[in-house]
Structure formats: C-alpha cells, structure tokens
C-alpha atoms as a PDB file:
ATOM      1  CA  LEU A   1       7.989  23.120   1.693  1.00  0.00           C
ATOM      2  CA  SER A   2       7.726  20.997  -1.696  1.00  0.00           C
ATOM      3  CA  LEU A   3      11.497  21.669  -2.321  1.00  0.00           C
ATOM      4  CA  ILE A   4      14.359  19.196  -1.392  1.00  0.00           C
ATOM      5  CA  GLU A   5      17.391  20.498  -0.254  1.00  0.00           C
ATOM      6  CA  HIS A   6      19.449  17.181  -0.276  1.00  0.00           C
ATOM      7  CA  ASN A   7      18.804  13.630  -0.676  1.00  0.00           C
ATOM      8  CA  MET A   8      16.133  11.837   1.409  1.00  0.00           C
ATOM      9  CA  SER A   9      15.311   8.277   1.610  1.00  0.00           C
ATOM     10  CA  LEU A  10      12.095   6.782   0.367  1.00  0.00           C
ATOM     11  CA  LYS A  11      11.034   3.312   2.075  1.00  0.00           C
ATOM     12  CA  SER A  12       8.340   0.547   2.358  1.00  0.00           C
ATOM     13  CA  GLY A  13       6.502   1.524   5.409  1.00  0.00           C
ATOM     14  CA  SER A  14       7.068   5.469   5.138  1.00  0.00           C
ATOM     15  CA  LYS A  15       4.441   7.619   6.449  1.00  0.00           C
ATOM     16  CA  ILE A  16       2.609   9.779   3.541  1.00  0.00           C
ATOM     17  CA  GLY A  17      -0.035  11.776   3.042  1.00  0.00           C
ATOM     18  CA  ILE A  18      -1.986  14.482   0.696  1.00  0.00           C
ATOM     19  CA  HIS A  19      -1.826  17.523   2.951  1.00  0.00           C
ATOM     20  CA  ALA A  20       1.095  20.115   3.049  1.00  0.00           C
ATOM     21  CA  ASP A  21       0.469  21.795   6.086  1.00  0.00           C
ATOM     22  CA  LYS A  22      -0.512  18.874   8.714  1.00  0.00           C
ATOM     23  CA  THR A  23       0.989  15.361   9.174  1.00  0.00           C
ATOM     24  CA  ASN A  24      -1.697  13.584  11.588  1.00  0.00           C
ATOM     25  CA  ASN A  25      -3.921  12.094   8.761  1.00  0.00           C
ATOM     26  CA  TYR A  26      -1.512   9.827   6.810  1.00  0.00           C
ATOM     27  CA  GLY A  27      -1.103   6.216   5.456  1.00  0.00           C
ATOM     28  CA  THR A  28       1.716   4.032   4.545  1.00  0.00           C
ATOM     29  CA  LEU A  29       3.937   4.041   1.270  1.00  0.00           C
ATOM     30  CA  GLY A  30       3.217   0.214   0.563  1.00  0.00           C
ATOM     31  CA  GLY A  31       6.367  -0.364  -2.075  1.00  0.00           C
ATOM     32  CA  PHE A  32       7.758   1.067  -5.351  1.00  0.00           C
ATOM     33  CA  ILE A  33       6.342  -0.038  -9.089  1.00  0.00           C
ATOM     34  CA  GLN A  34       7.753   0.791 -12.243  1.00  0.00           C
ATOM     35  CA  ARG A  35       6.390   1.504 -15.769  1.00  0.00           C
ATOM     36  CA  GLY A  36       8.986   2.239 -18.501  1.00  0.00           C
ATOM     37  CA  ASP A  37      11.640   4.399 -17.551  1.00  0.00           C
ATOM     38  CA  SER A  38       9.165   5.884 -14.626  1.00  0.00           C
ATOM     39  CA  THR A  39       9.103   4.956 -10.680  1.00  0.00           C
ATOM     40  CA  TYR A  40       5.946   5.157  -8.801  1.00  0.00           C
ATOM     41  CA  ILE A  41       5.218   4.550  -4.874  1.00  0.00           C
ATOM     42  CA  LEU A  42       2.344   2.173  -4.351  1.00  0.00           C
ATOM     43  CA  THR A  43      -0.411   2.876  -1.883  1.00  0.00           C
ATOM     44  CA  ASN A  44      -3.874   2.928  -1.321  1.00  0.00           C
ATOM     45  CA  GLY A  45      -6.794   4.683  -3.700  1.00  0.00           C
ATOM     46  CA  HIS A  46      -8.806   5.877  -0.526  1.00  0.00           C
ATOM     47  CA  ILE A  47      -5.562   7.816   0.983  1.00  0.00           C
ATOM     48  CA  VAL A  48      -5.217  10.316  -2.034  1.00  0.00           C
ATOM     49  CA  ASN A  49      -9.069  10.383  -2.532  1.00  0.00           C
ATOM     50  CA  TRP A  50      -8.845   8.507  -5.547  1.00  0.00           C
ATOM     51  CA  ALA A  51      -7.921  11.584  -7.684  1.00  0.00           C
ATOM     52  CA  VAL A  52      -5.373  11.831 -10.357  1.00  0.00           C
ATOM     53  CA  GLY A  53      -3.189  14.776 -10.045  1.00  0.00           C
ATOM     54  CA  THR A  54      -3.373  14.769  -6.051  1.00  0.00           C
ATOM     55  CA  GLN A  55      -0.020  15.945  -4.521  1.00  0.00           C
ATOM     56  CA  VAL A  56       1.628  13.219  -2.207  1.00  0.00           C
ATOM     57  CA  TYR A  57       3.828  14.080   0.356  1.00  0.00           C
ATOM     58  CA  CYS A  58       6.284  12.439   2.760  1.00  0.00           C
ATOM     59  CA  TYR A  59       5.803  12.936   6.177  1.00  0.00           C
ATOM     60  CA  GLU A  60       8.880  11.194   7.714  1.00  0.00           C
ATOM     61  CA  THR A  61      10.865  14.368   8.444  1.00  0.00           C
ATOM     62  CA  GLY A  62       7.849  16.011  10.460  1.00  0.00           C
ATOM     63  CA  THR A  63       7.809  18.776   7.824  1.00  0.00           C
ATOM     64  CA  PRO A  64       5.627  17.286   4.683  1.00  0.00           C
ATOM     65  CA  VAL A  65       8.066  16.917   1.657  1.00  0.00           C
ATOM     66  CA  LEU A  66       6.540  16.793  -1.928  1.00  0.00           C
ATOM     67  CA  ILE A  67       6.937  13.187  -3.349  1.00  0.00           C
ATOM     68  CA  GLY A  68       4.892  13.653  -6.541  1.00  0.00           C
ATOM     69  CA  GLU A  69       1.270  13.279  -7.906  1.00  0.00           C
ATOM     70  CA  VAL A  70      -1.171  10.410  -8.488  1.00  0.00           C
ATOM     71  CA  GLU A  71      -0.953   9.257 -11.835  1.00  0.00           C
ATOM     72  CA  ARG A  72      -3.424   6.260 -11.732  1.00  0.00           C
ATOM     73  CA  THR A  73      -5.780   4.675  -9.531  1.00  0.00           C
ATOM     74  CA  THR A  74      -7.960   1.521  -9.523  1.00  0.00           C
ATOM     75  CA  THR A  75     -10.333   3.482 -11.333  1.00  0.00           C
ATOM     76  CA  SER A  76     -12.936   4.640  -8.423  1.00  0.00           C
ATOM     77  CA  PRO A  77     -14.258   4.083  -4.668  1.00  0.00           C
ATOM     78  CA  GLY A  78     -16.786   1.611  -6.123  1.00  0.00           C
ATOM     79  CA  ASP A  79     -14.031  -0.585  -7.089  1.00  0.00           C
ATOM     80  CA  VAL A  80     -13.399  -1.208  -3.166  1.00  0.00           C
ATOM     81  CA  GLU A  81     -16.370  -3.496  -3.399  1.00  0.00           C
ATOM     82  CA  GLU A  82     -14.373  -5.611  -6.078  1.00  0.00           C
ATOM     83  CA  GLY A  83     -11.115  -5.721  -3.620  1.00  0.00           C
ATOM     84  CA  LEU A  84      -9.186  -3.153  -5.472  1.00  0.00           C
ATOM     85  CA  ASP A  85      -7.845  -0.038  -3.720  1.00  0.00           C
ATOM     86  CA  ALA A  86      -4.785   1.327  -4.852  1.00  0.00           C
ATOM     87  CA  ALA A  87      -3.047   4.475  -6.395  1.00  0.00           C
ATOM     88  CA  ALA A  88       0.115   4.871  -8.456  1.00  0.00           C
ATOM     89  CA  VAL A  89       1.984   8.125  -7.501  1.00  0.00           C
ATOM     90  CA  LEU A  90       4.706   9.034  -9.741  1.00  0.00           C
ATOM     91  CA  ILE A  91       7.797  10.198  -8.190  1.00  0.00           C
ATOM     92  CA  GLN A  92       8.991  13.657  -9.100  1.00  0.00           C
ATOM     93  CA  ASN A  93      12.700  14.219  -9.360  1.00  0.00           C
ATOM     94  CA  PRO A  94      13.498  10.803  -8.457  1.00  0.00           C
ATOM     95  CA  GLU A  95      17.271  11.866  -8.291  1.00  0.00           C
ATOM     96  CA  ASN A  96      16.488  13.973  -5.423  1.00  0.00           C
ATOM     97  CA  TRP A  97      15.658  10.658  -3.194  1.00  0.00           C
ATOM     98  CA  THR A  98      17.190   7.540  -2.240  1.00  0.00           C
ATOM     99  CA  ILE A  99      14.737   4.832  -3.158  1.00  0.00           C
ATOM    100  CA  ASP A 100      15.366   2.051  -1.235  1.00  0.00           C
ATOM    101  CA  CYS A 101      13.482  -0.913  -2.257  1.00  0.00           C
ATOM    102  CA  THR A 102      14.214  -3.623   0.687  1.00  0.00           C
ATOM    103  CA  PHE A 103      11.152  -4.138   2.782  1.00  0.00           C
ATOM    104  CA  SER A 104      11.283  -3.110   6.460  1.00  0.00           C
ATOM    105  CA  HIS A 105      14.014  -2.071   8.648  1.00  0.00           C
ATOM    106  CA  ARG A 106      15.447  -5.787   8.138  1.00  0.00           C
ATOM    107  CA  GLU A 107      16.245  -4.996   4.543  1.00  0.00           C
ATOM    108  CA  ILE A 108      14.698  -8.062   3.141  1.00  0.00           C
ATOM    109  CA  GLN A 109      15.156  -8.250  -0.513  1.00  0.00           C
ATOM    110  CA  LEU A 110      11.621  -8.809  -2.130  1.00  0.00           C
ATOM    111  CA  LYS A 111      11.546 -11.365  -4.792  1.00  0.00           C
ATOM    112  CA  GLY A 112       8.861 -10.400  -7.137  1.00  0.00           C
ATOM    113  CA  VAL A 113       5.018 -10.809  -6.945  1.00  0.00           C
ATOM    114  CA  LYS A 114       2.708 -13.846  -6.310  1.00  0.00           C
ATOM    115  CA  LYS A 115      -0.892 -14.549  -5.563  1.00  0.00           C
ATOM    116  CA  PRO A 116      -1.741 -15.003  -1.914  1.00  0.00           C
ATOM    117  CA  THR A 117      -2.843 -18.399  -0.880  1.00  0.00           C
ATOM    118  CA  ASP A 118      -4.754 -19.571   2.049  1.00  0.00           C
ATOM    119  CA  GLY A 119      -2.532 -20.278   5.176  1.00  0.00           C
ATOM    120  CA  MET A 120       0.558 -18.205   3.785  1.00  0.00           C
ATOM    121  CA  LYS A 121       2.293 -16.400   6.802  1.00  0.00           C
ATOM    122  CA  LEU A 122       2.792 -12.892   6.096  1.00  0.00           C
ATOM    123  CA  LEU A 123       4.829  -9.931   6.979  1.00  0.00           C
ATOM    124  CA  LEU A 124       3.513  -6.262   7.333  1.00  0.00           C
ATOM    125  CA  GLN A 125       5.531  -3.042   7.540  1.00  0.00           C
ATOM    126  CA  GLY A 126       2.961  -0.101   8.513  1.00  0.00           C
ATOM    127  CA  ALA A 127       3.274   3.599   9.095  1.00  0.00           C
ATOM    128  CA  LYS A 128       1.662   3.272  12.449  1.00  0.00           C
ATOM    129  CA  SER A 129       2.233  -0.176  13.648  1.00  0.00           C
ATOM    130  CA  GLY A 130       5.525  -0.889  12.559  1.00  0.00           C
ATOM    131  CA  TYR A 131       6.897  -4.627  11.799  1.00  0.00           C
ATOM    132  CA  ILE A 132       4.344  -7.576  12.236  1.00  0.00           C
ATOM    133  CA  ASP A 133       5.497 -11.022  11.618  1.00  0.00           C
ATOM    134  CA  ASP A 134       2.655 -13.118  12.705  1.00  0.00           C
ATOM    135  CA  ALA A 135      -0.351 -12.312  10.145  1.00  0.00           C
ATOM    136  CA  SER A 136      -1.698 -15.089   7.880  1.00  0.00           C
ATOM    137  CA  VAL A 137      -3.928 -15.538   4.795  1.00  0.00           C
ATOM    138  CA  ARG A 138      -7.472 -16.836   6.270  1.00  0.00           C
ATOM    139  CA  ASP A 139      -9.115 -16.637   2.704  1.00  0.00           C
ATOM    140  CA  ASP A 140      -7.381 -15.550  -0.724  1.00  0.00           C
ATOM    141  CA  ASP A 141     -10.671 -14.822  -2.307  1.00  0.00           C
ATOM    142  CA  GLY A 142     -12.999 -13.768   0.361  1.00  0.00           C
ATOM    143  CA  ARG A 143     -16.264 -11.636   0.942  1.00  0.00           C
ATOM    144  CA  THR A 144     -16.423  -9.422   3.973  1.00  0.00           C
ATOM    145  CA  VAL A 145     -17.664  -5.922   5.184  1.00  0.00           C
ATOM    146  CA  ILE A 146     -15.827  -2.893   5.941  1.00  0.00           C
ATOM    147  CA  GLU A 147     -16.432   0.419   7.177  1.00  0.00           C
ATOM    148  CA  GLY A 148     -16.100   3.525   4.595  1.00  0.00           C
ATOM    149  CA  HIS A 149     -14.765   7.219   5.204  1.00  0.00           C
ATOM    150  CA  ASP A 150     -18.641   8.183   6.082  1.00  0.00           C
ATOM    151  CA  LYS A 151     -19.220   5.187   8.473  1.00  0.00           C
ATOM    152  CA  GLU A 152     -20.974   3.319   5.658  1.00  0.00           C
ATOM    153  CA  LYS A 153     -20.899  -0.502   5.230  1.00  0.00           C
ATOM    154  CA  ILE A 154     -19.457  -1.546   2.173  1.00  0.00           C
ATOM    155  CA  HIS A 155     -19.624  -5.236   1.042  1.00  0.00           C
ATOM    156  CA  VAL A 156     -16.639  -6.605  -0.525  1.00  0.00           C
ATOM    157  CA  GLN A 157     -15.703  -9.476  -2.657  1.00  0.00           C
ATOM    158  CA  HIS A 158     -12.460 -10.736  -4.018  1.00  0.00           C
ATOM    159  CA  ALA A 159     -10.705  -9.581  -0.804  1.00  0.00           C
ATOM    160  CA  VAL A 160      -7.762 -11.123   0.825  1.00  0.00           C
ATOM    161  CA  ILE A 161      -8.717 -11.610   4.165  1.00  0.00           C
ATOM    162  CA  ILE A 162      -5.589 -11.461   6.754  1.00  0.00           C
ATOM    163  CA  GLY A 163      -5.925 -12.831  10.491  1.00  0.00           C
ATOM    164  CA  PHE A 164      -3.486 -11.325  12.967  1.00  0.00           C
ATOM    165  CA  LYS A 165      -2.276 -13.492  16.171  1.00  0.00           C
ATOM    166  CA  ARG A 166      -4.812 -12.728  18.725  1.00  0.00           C
ATOM    167  CA  GLY A 167      -2.725 -10.970  21.838  1.00  0.00           C
ATOM    168  CA  GLY A 168      -0.197  -9.786  19.264  1.00  0.00           C
ATOM    169  CA  LYS A 169       0.075  -6.610  17.402  1.00  0.00           C
ATOM    170  CA  ASP A 170      -2.066  -6.230  14.512  1.00  0.00           C
ATOM    171  CA  ALA A 171      -2.301  -3.306  11.847  1.00  0.00           C
ATOM    172  CA  ASP A 172      -4.030   0.032  12.554  1.00  0.00           C
ATOM    173  CA  THR A 173      -5.348   3.154  11.354  1.00  0.00           C
ATOM    174  CA  GLY A 174      -2.371   4.613   9.778  1.00  0.00           C
ATOM    175  CA  ASP A 175      -1.189   1.260   8.149  1.00  0.00           C
ATOM    176  CA  SER A 176      -3.398   1.571   5.127  1.00  0.00           C
ATOM    177  CA  GLY A 177      -1.483   1.000   1.848  1.00  0.00           C
ATOM    178  CA  SER A 178       1.138  -1.447   3.613  1.00  0.00           C
ATOM    179  CA  LEU A 179       2.513  -4.238   1.449  1.00  0.00           C
ATOM    180  CA  LEU A 180       1.983  -7.546   2.825  1.00  0.00           C
ATOM    181  CA  VAL A 181       4.816 -10.058   2.073  1.00  0.00           C
ATOM    182  CA  SER A 182       5.101 -13.814   2.043  1.00  0.00           C
ATOM    183  CA  LYS A 183       7.050 -14.800   5.260  1.00  0.00           C
ATOM    184  CA  ASP A 184       8.803 -17.994   3.773  1.00  0.00           C
ATOM    185  CA  ASP A 185       9.992 -16.840   0.457  1.00  0.00           C
ATOM    186  CA  HIS A 186       9.759 -12.869   0.498  1.00  0.00           C
ATOM    187  CA  TYR A 187       7.521 -12.193  -2.472  1.00  0.00           C
ATOM    188  CA  ALA A 188       4.836  -9.265  -2.338  1.00  0.00           C
ATOM    189  CA  VAL A 189       1.307 -10.494  -2.395  1.00  0.00           C
ATOM    190  CA  ALA A 190      -0.965  -7.888  -1.228  1.00  0.00           C
ATOM    191  CA  LEU A 191      -2.079  -4.271  -0.204  1.00  0.00           C
ATOM    192  CA  PHE A 192      -3.380  -3.877   3.167  1.00  0.00           C
ATOM    193  CA  ASN A 193      -6.512  -1.685   2.932  1.00  0.00           C
ATOM    194  CA  ALA A 194      -9.148  -1.956   5.671  1.00  0.00           C
ATOM    195  CA  HIS A 195     -10.107  -3.771   8.762  1.00  0.00           C
ATOM    196  CA  ALA A 196     -13.326  -5.736   8.761  1.00  0.00           C
ATOM    197  CA  THR A 197     -16.096  -4.846  11.248  1.00  0.00           C
ATOM    198  CA  ASP A 198     -16.198  -7.564  13.269  1.00  0.00           C
ATOM    199  CA  GLY A 199     -12.965  -6.155  15.159  1.00  0.00           C
ATOM    200  CA  LYS A 200      -9.287  -6.046  14.735  1.00  0.00           C
ATOM    201  CA  THR A 201      -8.563  -9.617  14.417  1.00  0.00           C
ATOM    202  CA  GLU A 202      -9.544  -9.622  10.713  1.00  0.00           C
ATOM    203  CA  GLY A 203      -7.776  -7.170   8.110  1.00  0.00           C
ATOM    204  CA  VAL A 204      -8.578  -6.946   4.378  1.00  0.00           C
ATOM    205  CA  ALA A 205      -6.175  -6.416   1.747  1.00  0.00           C
ATOM    206  CA  CYS A 206      -6.178  -6.377  -2.147  1.00  0.00           C
ATOM    207  CA  ASP A 207      -4.187  -9.089  -4.356  1.00  0.00           C
ATOM    208  CA  LEU A 208      -1.315  -7.332  -5.786  1.00  0.00           C
ATOM    209  CA  THR A 209      -1.572  -9.151  -9.031  1.00  0.00           C
ATOM    210  CA  ARG A 210      -4.913  -8.113  -9.634  1.00  0.00           C
ATOM    211  CA  VAL A 211      -4.134  -4.650  -8.542  1.00  0.00           C
ATOM    212  CA  LEU A 212      -1.421  -4.156 -10.964  1.00  0.00           C
ATOM    213  CA  THR A 213      -3.174  -5.530 -13.743  1.00  0.00           C
ATOM    214  CA  CYS A 214      -6.182  -3.020 -13.138  1.00  0.00           C
ATOM    215  CA  LEU A 215      -3.516  -0.157 -12.797  1.00  0.00           C
ATOM    216  CA  SER A 216      -2.041  -1.127 -16.305  1.00  0.00           C
ATOM    217  CA  ILE A 217      -5.582  -1.074 -18.061  1.00  0.00           C
ATOM    218  CA  ASP A 218      -4.671   1.486 -20.077  1.00  0.00           C
ATOM    219  CA  ASN A 219      -1.927   0.132 -21.693  1.00  0.00           C
ATOM    220  CA  PRO A 220      -1.488  -3.637 -20.861  1.00  0.00           C
ATOM    221  CA  GLY A 221       1.271  -3.984 -23.015  1.00  0.00           C
ATOM    222  CA  VAL A 222       3.476  -1.795 -20.922  1.00  0.00           C
ATOM    223  CA  PRO A 223       2.418  -3.076 -17.280  1.00  0.00           C
ATOM    224  CA  PHE A 224       3.114  -1.810 -14.130  1.00  0.00           C
ATOM    225  CA  THR A 225       5.675  -4.020 -12.259  1.00  0.00           C
ATOM    226  CA  LEU A 226       7.025  -4.362  -8.896  1.00  0.00           C
ATOM    227  CA  LYS A 227      10.506  -2.637  -8.266  1.00  0.00           C
ATOM    228  CA  THR A 228      12.998  -4.653  -6.298  1.00  0.00           C
ATOM    229  CA  ASN A 229      16.297  -3.171  -6.490  1.00  0.00           C
END
C-alpha cells in the first residue's frame, strides 16, 4: 500500500488524505515548499489533524500511496483564529515521484510568493472543484466566522476573504489546502482553508507569506520557501 513500484506524479491540486484504507475524505495538495535540501507538500493543518508525524497519502490513483509525514504545522487548531491553517509534509523518497511544480492543468509557471491585496483576481486548483479562474480578494486582512469540524463557530481574524463569482464555480469541501494564485502575474498568495458561514459566496484563505513565516519559526535562518521548479 505504501510502496511505490514506479515513478508517479505529484502536482498542485492533487487529492490527498491521511487514511490508508479509504479515499472519500480528502483535501488538496496546494503546492511544494522547500527547506534546505528537503522538499515538502503544503496543505491545510486541519486536513492532517494538526499532528506532526501523521502519514499523508496521494489518492490520485484510486489506491492510497504514501507521500510522507507531517513535519511542521502552524502550531495548533487555535491558530485558525489568527488566519493560519497549514502543514508541511516531508516527501519521503522524492526520487520515486515526478514533482510537477507548475500550477493547474494549464501548467502555469509560478513566479514566487507575494502578499494578497484587495481586488486581486485569483486562480485556484482544487481536488474537488478543479480549475477556478474567476475568484478575487475581497479583503486581504479580514474578519469572519467559519464552521469547525464539530460545527462550532470559529471567529477568524487576519484572514484573506475570497469572493467567488455569483453563478460561477466556487471552491467546495475537498478543496481545502488549495493554492490561490494571482491571475495577472502568477504569484502564489494564499492557501484556501474554509467557507464563511454566510454561504458559498465567500471563501477564507491564509496569507501565504504569514504561513511560511510561521512554519519557519523554529529556525528562521533556514526558512521554508516556495518551490517553483
């Protein structure tokens, strides 16, 4: 189950999860980050239950295939209230994978990371919804309310509030962990993690610059950076 018999592909938007025996509960591989000589996948902390050491699998082939283990998260579930919800999963045996750093099926080359700004037009590639090209930033440092796993209301600040075009496609359950990319110049800006409780016209995301800073807090001199090639 966890052995890779031949080279397989990992790509932004891939379906991932923590169960070795089922694939119906999943999130999205957002992108790739690196630290030193190691390569990681970036996704939401809540997908991996905020637990360092959790094994993460790729579900793209129908049979779960082990990718690696969670090495860092943005500390704890309480950090969701601060607009942080991320995990770095160390890829074990990266030589067994073809790591495709381009974004979406359109093979967009990412230029790096920058802060989201109000009005910025966005692209998203989710494991559930696929490619979305008509989202935008409504508030780059907002407050909202989201629903937790146990249906509790969580008040969030410093969140990136995402608007989806009414009548168009929007992100859904299963898209958590998706990377949000600036449509005009192809910089990674945020990590989608929830919907606001007022319906599916508003999504909630984590500012990627803050996420990478938080993940690197144990050793700021060797920070996590986005892998673009």
